[in-house]
Amino acid sequence: MLHPKTAARMGDDKPVVFGFYVNWDPAAIVSLRFHLGHLTHLVPEWFTLANSKGDMNDESDRTVIQIAQQGKLPIIALLTNFRHGWQGGDVHKLLNDSAARENLIDNIHANLAEHKFAGVNIDFEQVVDKDREALIRFMRDLRAKLKPEGFLLTQSVPVGDSAYDLKRLAEINDFLVPIV
């Protein structure tokens, strides 16, 4: 499958442009092909937190991976806690259980390495205020695991939600993606 367009390149005078992708929308692949040349990164919603033990589901799409590879478009897989609704309870349990955190971090790392993705975007929503420090700890631990191999770490964060310490999260992540 040949794809004539190549991804946009980042530079000092050029913006970083994430293109978000979902498998459930048939128009997404058409949009990806049409807009690929304007994107610097593809952020597909392919990883889902399966439970509070740190297991995750991987719904990577081989065709989309091939399109991205041919266009030299780095993939930052999005990990969400949306599974039949937002699973804030699973995130709370995960963040406060060291074995579960370690399991999820290992699962993320293994999937990034297996697929040769550029990194991961963490999109945990409905985090409660009392888990603010636990979320920071998780992101620092994840950063420590991913950084030696050069994987990018990005995070989608609700603006104006006190459970997310934006200043500290910005120090940990390569990019923050504001959710308004």
C-alpha atoms as a PDB file:
ATOM      1  CA  MET A   1       0.000   0.000   0.000  1.00  0.00           C
ATOM      2  CA  LEU A   2       1.725   3.152  -1.151  1.00  0.00           C
ATOM      3  CA  HIS A   3       0.905   6.484   0.370  1.00  0.00           C
ATOM      4  CA  PRO A   4       2.440   9.504  -1.364  1.00  0.00           C
ATOM      5  CA  LYS A   5       2.172  11.987   1.516  1.00  0.00           C
ATOM      6  CA  THR A   6       4.734  12.288   4.290  1.00  0.00           C
ATOM      7  CA  ALA A   7       4.254  13.743   7.736  1.00  0.00           C
ATOM      8  CA  ALA A   8       4.978  17.366   8.561  1.00  0.00           C
ATOM      9  CA  ARG A   9       8.262  17.965  10.348  1.00  0.00           C
ATOM     10  CA  MET A  10       8.677  19.677  13.683  1.00  0.00           C
ATOM     11  CA  GLY A  11      11.010  22.629  13.929  1.00  0.00           C
ATOM     12  CA  ASP A  12      11.665  25.787  15.887  1.00  0.00           C
ATOM     13  CA  ASP A  13       9.239  27.725  13.713  1.00  0.00           C
ATOM     14  CA  LYS A  14       6.743  24.925  13.145  1.00  0.00           C
ATOM     15  CA  PRO A  15       3.994  23.713  15.460  1.00  0.00           C
ATOM     16  CA  VAL A  16       3.548  20.218  16.832  1.00  0.00           C
ATOM     17  CA  VAL A  17       0.320  18.877  15.317  1.00  0.00           C
ATOM     18  CA  PHE A  18      -1.289  15.785  16.819  1.00  0.00           C
ATOM     19  CA  GLY A  19      -3.919  13.968  14.784  1.00  0.00           C
ATOM     20  CA  PHE A  20      -6.257  11.938  16.969  1.00  0.00           C
ATOM     21  CA  TYR A  21      -7.642   8.715  15.491  1.00  0.00           C
ATOM     22  CA  VAL A  22     -10.359   6.251  16.523  1.00  0.00           C
ATOM     23  CA  ASN A  23     -11.080   2.840  15.034  1.00  0.00           C
ATOM     24  CA  TRP A  24     -14.851   3.134  15.456  1.00  0.00           C
ATOM     25  CA  ASP A  25     -15.283   5.972  12.936  1.00  0.00           C
ATOM     26  CA  PRO A  26     -15.094   4.765   9.304  1.00  0.00           C
ATOM     27  CA  ALA A  27     -14.270   8.325   8.182  1.00  0.00           C
ATOM     28  CA  ALA A  28     -11.115   8.356  10.335  1.00  0.00           C
ATOM     29  CA  ILE A  29      -8.907   6.503   7.864  1.00  0.00           C
ATOM     30  CA  VAL A  30     -10.022   8.777   5.018  1.00  0.00           C
ATOM     31  CA  SER A  31      -9.287  11.822   7.165  1.00  0.00           C
ATOM     32  CA  LEU A  32      -5.884  10.420   8.122  1.00  0.00           C
ATOM     33  CA  ARG A  33      -4.926   9.911   4.483  1.00  0.00           C
ATOM     34  CA  PHE A  34      -6.157  13.372   3.556  1.00  0.00           C
ATOM     35  CA  HIS A  35      -4.449  15.227   6.452  1.00  0.00           C
ATOM     36  CA  LEU A  36      -1.301  13.130   7.000  1.00  0.00           C
ATOM     37  CA  GLY A  37       0.960  15.764   5.453  1.00  0.00           C
ATOM     38  CA  HIS A  38      -0.180  18.321   8.052  1.00  0.00           C
ATOM     39  CA  LEU A  39       0.474  16.120  11.102  1.00  0.00           C
ATOM     40  CA  THR A  40       3.657  15.687  13.118  1.00  0.00           C
ATOM     41  CA  HIS A  41       2.258  12.797  15.220  1.00  0.00           C
ATOM     42  CA  LEU A  42      -0.640  10.350  15.059  1.00  0.00           C
ATOM     43  CA  VAL A  43      -2.417   9.704  18.378  1.00  0.00           C
ATOM     44  CA  PRO A  44      -4.733   6.717  17.897  1.00  0.00           C
ATOM     45  CA  GLU A  45      -7.025   5.592  20.708  1.00  0.00           C
ATOM     46  CA  TRP A  46      -5.782   1.993  20.714  1.00  0.00           C
ATOM     47  CA  PHE A  47      -4.949   1.144  24.341  1.00  0.00           C
ATOM     48  CA  THR A  48      -7.686   0.751  26.939  1.00  0.00           C
ATOM     49  CA  LEU A  49      -7.230   0.178  30.660  1.00  0.00           C
ATOM     50  CA  ALA A  50      -8.894  -3.215  31.107  1.00  0.00           C
ATOM     51  CA  ASN A  51      -9.134  -3.227  34.906  1.00  0.00           C
ATOM     52  CA  SER A  52      -7.615  -1.844  38.104  1.00  0.00           C
ATOM     53  CA  LYS A  53      -4.771  -4.420  38.016  1.00  0.00           C
ATOM     54  CA  GLY A  54      -2.889  -2.688  35.218  1.00  0.00           C
ATOM     55  CA  ASP A  55      -4.004  -4.911  32.354  1.00  0.00           C
ATOM     56  CA  MET A  56      -4.767  -3.194  29.064  1.00  0.00           C
ATOM     57  CA  ASN A  57      -6.365  -4.018  25.745  1.00  0.00           C
ATOM     58  CA  ASP A  58      -4.523  -3.256  22.504  1.00  0.00           C
ATOM     59  CA  GLU A  59      -6.688  -2.500  19.458  1.00  0.00           C
ATOM     60  CA  SER A  60      -3.898  -1.391  17.125  1.00  0.00           C
ATOM     61  CA  ASP A  61      -4.841  -1.344  13.464  1.00  0.00           C
ATOM     62  CA  ARG A  62      -2.204  -2.827  11.124  1.00  0.00           C
ATOM     63  CA  THR A  63      -3.432  -0.810   8.111  1.00  0.00           C
ATOM     64  CA  VAL A  64      -3.179   2.479  10.000  1.00  0.00           C
ATOM     65  CA  ILE A  65       0.271   1.517  11.285  1.00  0.00           C
ATOM     66  CA  GLN A  66       1.393   0.876   7.693  1.00  0.00           C
ATOM     67  CA  ILE A  67      -0.002   4.216   6.492  1.00  0.00           C
ATOM     68  CA  ALA A  68       1.806   6.021   9.323  1.00  0.00           C
ATOM     69  CA  GLN A  69       5.067   4.166   8.685  1.00  0.00           C
ATOM     70  CA  GLN A  70       4.966   4.886   4.961  1.00  0.00           C
ATOM     71  CA  GLY A  71       4.307   8.550   5.698  1.00  0.00           C
ATOM     72  CA  LYS A  72       7.037   8.649   8.371  1.00  0.00           C
ATOM     73  CA  LEU A  73       4.379   9.723  10.883  1.00  0.00           C
ATOM     74  CA  PRO A  74       5.307   8.823  14.485  1.00  0.00           C
ATOM     75  CA  ILE A  75       2.559   7.034  16.437  1.00  0.00           C
ATOM     76  CA  ILE A  76       1.832   7.975  20.037  1.00  0.00           C
ATOM     77  CA  ALA A  77      -0.745   5.404  21.175  1.00  0.00           C
ATOM     78  CA  LEU A  78      -3.439   6.804  23.452  1.00  0.00           C
ATOM     79  CA  LEU A  79      -4.262   4.875  26.636  1.00  0.00           C
ATOM     80  CA  THR A  80      -7.739   5.650  27.917  1.00  0.00           C
ATOM     81  CA  ASN A  81      -9.790   4.624  30.923  1.00  0.00           C
ATOM     82  CA  PHE A  82     -13.002   4.895  28.873  1.00  0.00           C
ATOM     83  CA  ARG A  83     -14.603   1.455  28.812  1.00  0.00           C
ATOM     84  CA  HIS A  84     -18.409   1.544  28.808  1.00  0.00           C
ATOM     85  CA  GLY A  85     -18.028   4.951  30.446  1.00  0.00           C
ATOM     86  CA  TRP A  86     -15.110   6.534  32.308  1.00  0.00           C
ATOM     87  CA  GLN A  87     -13.623   4.094  34.822  1.00  0.00           C
ATOM     88  CA  GLY A  88     -12.404   6.523  37.472  1.00  0.00           C
ATOM     89  CA  GLY A  89     -12.654   3.807  40.130  1.00  0.00           C
ATOM     90  CA  ASP A  90     -10.188   1.603  38.251  1.00  0.00           C
ATOM     91  CA  VAL A  91      -7.754   4.503  37.945  1.00  0.00           C
ATOM     92  CA  HIS A  92      -8.053   5.235  41.684  1.00  0.00           C
ATOM     93  CA  LYS A  93      -7.280   1.618  42.600  1.00  0.00           C
ATOM     94  CA  LEU A  94      -4.460   1.393  40.052  1.00  0.00           C
ATOM     95  CA  LEU A  95      -2.769   4.598  41.196  1.00  0.00           C
ATOM     96  CA  ASN A  96      -2.775   3.400  44.797  1.00  0.00           C
ATOM     97  CA  ASP A  97      -1.483  -0.139  44.186  1.00  0.00           C
ATOM     98  CA  SER A  98       2.241  -0.390  43.411  1.00  0.00           C
ATOM     99  CA  ALA A  99       1.961  -3.839  41.795  1.00  0.00           C
ATOM    100  CA  ALA A 100      -0.855  -2.661  39.508  1.00  0.00           C
ATOM    101  CA  ARG A 101       1.078   0.496  38.537  1.00  0.00           C
ATOM    102  CA  GLU A 102       4.164  -1.565  37.740  1.00  0.00           C
ATOM    103  CA  ASN A 103       2.082  -4.018  35.700  1.00  0.00           C
ATOM    104  CA  LEU A 104       0.545  -1.222  33.623  1.00  0.00           C
ATOM    105  CA  ILE A 105       3.907   0.463  33.084  1.00  0.00           C
ATOM    106  CA  ASP A 106       5.390  -2.846  31.916  1.00  0.00           C
ATOM    107  CA  ASN A 107       2.399  -3.436  29.611  1.00  0.00           C
ATOM    108  CA  ILE A 108       2.702   0.031  28.090  1.00  0.00           C
ATOM    109  CA  HIS A 109       6.440  -0.416  27.536  1.00  0.00           C
ATOM    110  CA  ALA A 110       6.019  -3.872  25.986  1.00  0.00           C
ATOM    111  CA  ASN A 111       3.329  -2.661  23.566  1.00  0.00           C
ATOM    112  CA  LEU A 112       5.323   0.401  22.500  1.00  0.00           C
ATOM    113  CA  ALA A 113       8.381  -1.763  21.839  1.00  0.00           C
ATOM    114  CA  GLU A 114       6.395  -4.482  20.043  1.00  0.00           C
ATOM    115  CA  HIS A 115       4.721  -2.052  17.633  1.00  0.00           C
ATOM    116  CA  LYS A 116       7.701   0.309  17.385  1.00  0.00           C
ATOM    117  CA  PHE A 117       5.519   3.250  18.408  1.00  0.00           C
ATOM    118  CA  ALA A 118       7.081   6.614  19.266  1.00  0.00           C
ATOM    119  CA  GLY A 119       5.358   6.856  22.651  1.00  0.00           C
ATOM    120  CA  VAL A 120       2.146   6.930  24.637  1.00  0.00           C
ATOM    121  CA  ASN A 121      -0.489   9.506  25.538  1.00  0.00           C
ATOM    122  CA  ILE A 122      -2.137   8.908  28.909  1.00  0.00           C
ATOM    123  CA  ASP A 123      -5.803   9.964  28.946  1.00  0.00           C
ATOM    124  CA  PHE A 124      -7.039   9.111  32.427  1.00  0.00           C
ATOM    125  CA  GLU A 125     -10.180  11.067  33.196  1.00  0.00           C
ATOM    126  CA  GLN A 126     -12.255  11.376  36.366  1.00  0.00           C
ATOM    127  CA  VAL A 127      -9.168  11.302  38.583  1.00  0.00           C
ATOM    128  CA  VAL A 128     -10.147  12.422  42.087  1.00  0.00           C
ATOM    129  CA  ASP A 129      -8.357  15.162  44.046  1.00  0.00           C
ATOM    130  CA  LYS A 130      -7.022  12.734  46.642  1.00  0.00           C
ATOM    131  CA  ASP A 131      -5.120  10.916  43.843  1.00  0.00           C
ATOM    132  CA  ARG A 132      -3.237  14.025  42.705  1.00  0.00           C
ATOM    133  CA  GLU A 133       0.096  12.850  44.177  1.00  0.00           C
ATOM    134  CA  ALA A 134      -0.476   9.243  43.114  1.00  0.00           C
ATOM    135  CA  LEU A 135      -0.983  10.397  39.508  1.00  0.00           C
ATOM    136  CA  ILE A 136       2.303  12.340  39.665  1.00  0.00           C
ATOM    137  CA  ARG A 137       4.063   9.235  41.046  1.00  0.00           C
ATOM    138  CA  PHE A 138       2.620   7.050  38.266  1.00  0.00           C
ATOM    139  CA  MET A 139       3.668   9.483  35.551  1.00  0.00           C
ATOM    140  CA  ARG A 140       7.197   9.800  37.010  1.00  0.00           C
ATOM    141  CA  ASP A 141       7.545   6.011  37.168  1.00  0.00           C
ATOM    142  CA  LEU A 142       6.266   5.683  33.614  1.00  0.00           C
ATOM    143  CA  ARG A 143       8.678   8.399  32.463  1.00  0.00           C
ATOM    144  CA  ALA A 144      11.595   6.559  34.127  1.00  0.00           C
ATOM    145  CA  LYS A 145      10.684   3.355  32.252  1.00  0.00           C
ATOM    146  CA  LEU A 146      10.188   4.981  28.840  1.00  0.00           C
ATOM    147  CA  LYS A 147      12.905   7.633  28.714  1.00  0.00           C
ATOM    148  CA  PRO A 148      15.968   5.333  28.400  1.00  0.00           C
ATOM    149  CA  GLU A 149      14.606   3.992  25.094  1.00  0.00           C
ATOM    150  CA  GLY A 150      13.562   7.401  23.818  1.00  0.00           C
ATOM    151  CA  PHE A 151       9.792   6.872  23.970  1.00  0.00           C
ATOM    152  CA  LEU A 152       7.698  10.043  24.133  1.00  0.00           C
ATOM    153  CA  LEU A 153       5.346  10.573  27.061  1.00  0.00           C
ATOM    154  CA  THR A 154       2.339  12.842  26.596  1.00  0.00           C
ATOM    155  CA  GLN A 155      -0.789  13.304  28.647  1.00  0.00           C
ATOM    156  CA  SER A 156      -4.296  14.592  28.021  1.00  0.00           C
ATOM    157  CA  VAL A 157      -5.287  16.756  30.992  1.00  0.00           C
ATOM    158  CA  PRO A 158      -8.539  18.509  31.864  1.00  0.00           C
ATOM    159  CA  VAL A 159      -8.003  22.236  32.300  1.00  0.00           C
ATOM    160  CA  GLY A 160      -9.255  23.616  35.597  1.00  0.00           C
ATOM    161  CA  ASP A 161      -9.440  20.240  37.391  1.00  0.00           C
ATOM    162  CA  SER A 162      -7.516  20.363  40.694  1.00  0.00           C
ATOM    163  CA  ALA A 163      -6.755  16.621  40.545  1.00  0.00           C
ATOM    164  CA  TYR A 164      -4.207  17.375  37.800  1.00  0.00           C
ATOM    165  CA  ASP A 165      -1.119  19.340  38.861  1.00  0.00           C
ATOM    166  CA  LEU A 166      -0.427  20.848  35.449  1.00  0.00           C
ATOM    167  CA  LYS A 167       2.888  22.449  36.409  1.00  0.00           C
ATOM    168  CA  ARG A 168       4.374  19.204  37.727  1.00  0.00           C
ATOM    169  CA  LEU A 169       2.859  17.106  34.940  1.00  0.00           C
ATOM    170  CA  ALA A 170       4.392  19.494  32.378  1.00  0.00           C
ATOM    171  CA  GLU A 171       7.811  18.830  33.930  1.00  0.00           C
ATOM    172  CA  ILE A 172       7.334  15.063  33.525  1.00  0.00           C
ATOM    173  CA  ASN A 173       5.710  14.864  30.076  1.00  0.00           C
ATOM    174  CA  ASP A 174       7.099  15.763  26.675  1.00  0.00           C
ATOM    175  CA  PHE A 175       3.743  17.371  25.836  1.00  0.00           C
ATOM    176  CA  LEU A 176       0.476  18.063  27.635  1.00  0.00           C
ATOM    177  CA  VAL A 177      -2.756  17.995  25.634  1.00  0.00           C
ATOM    178  CA  PRO A 178      -5.334  20.300  27.268  1.00  0.00           C
ATOM    179  CA  ILE A 179      -8.908  19.068  27.407  1.00  0.00           C
ATOM    180  CA  VAL A 180     -11.436  21.867  27.642  1.00  0.00           C
END
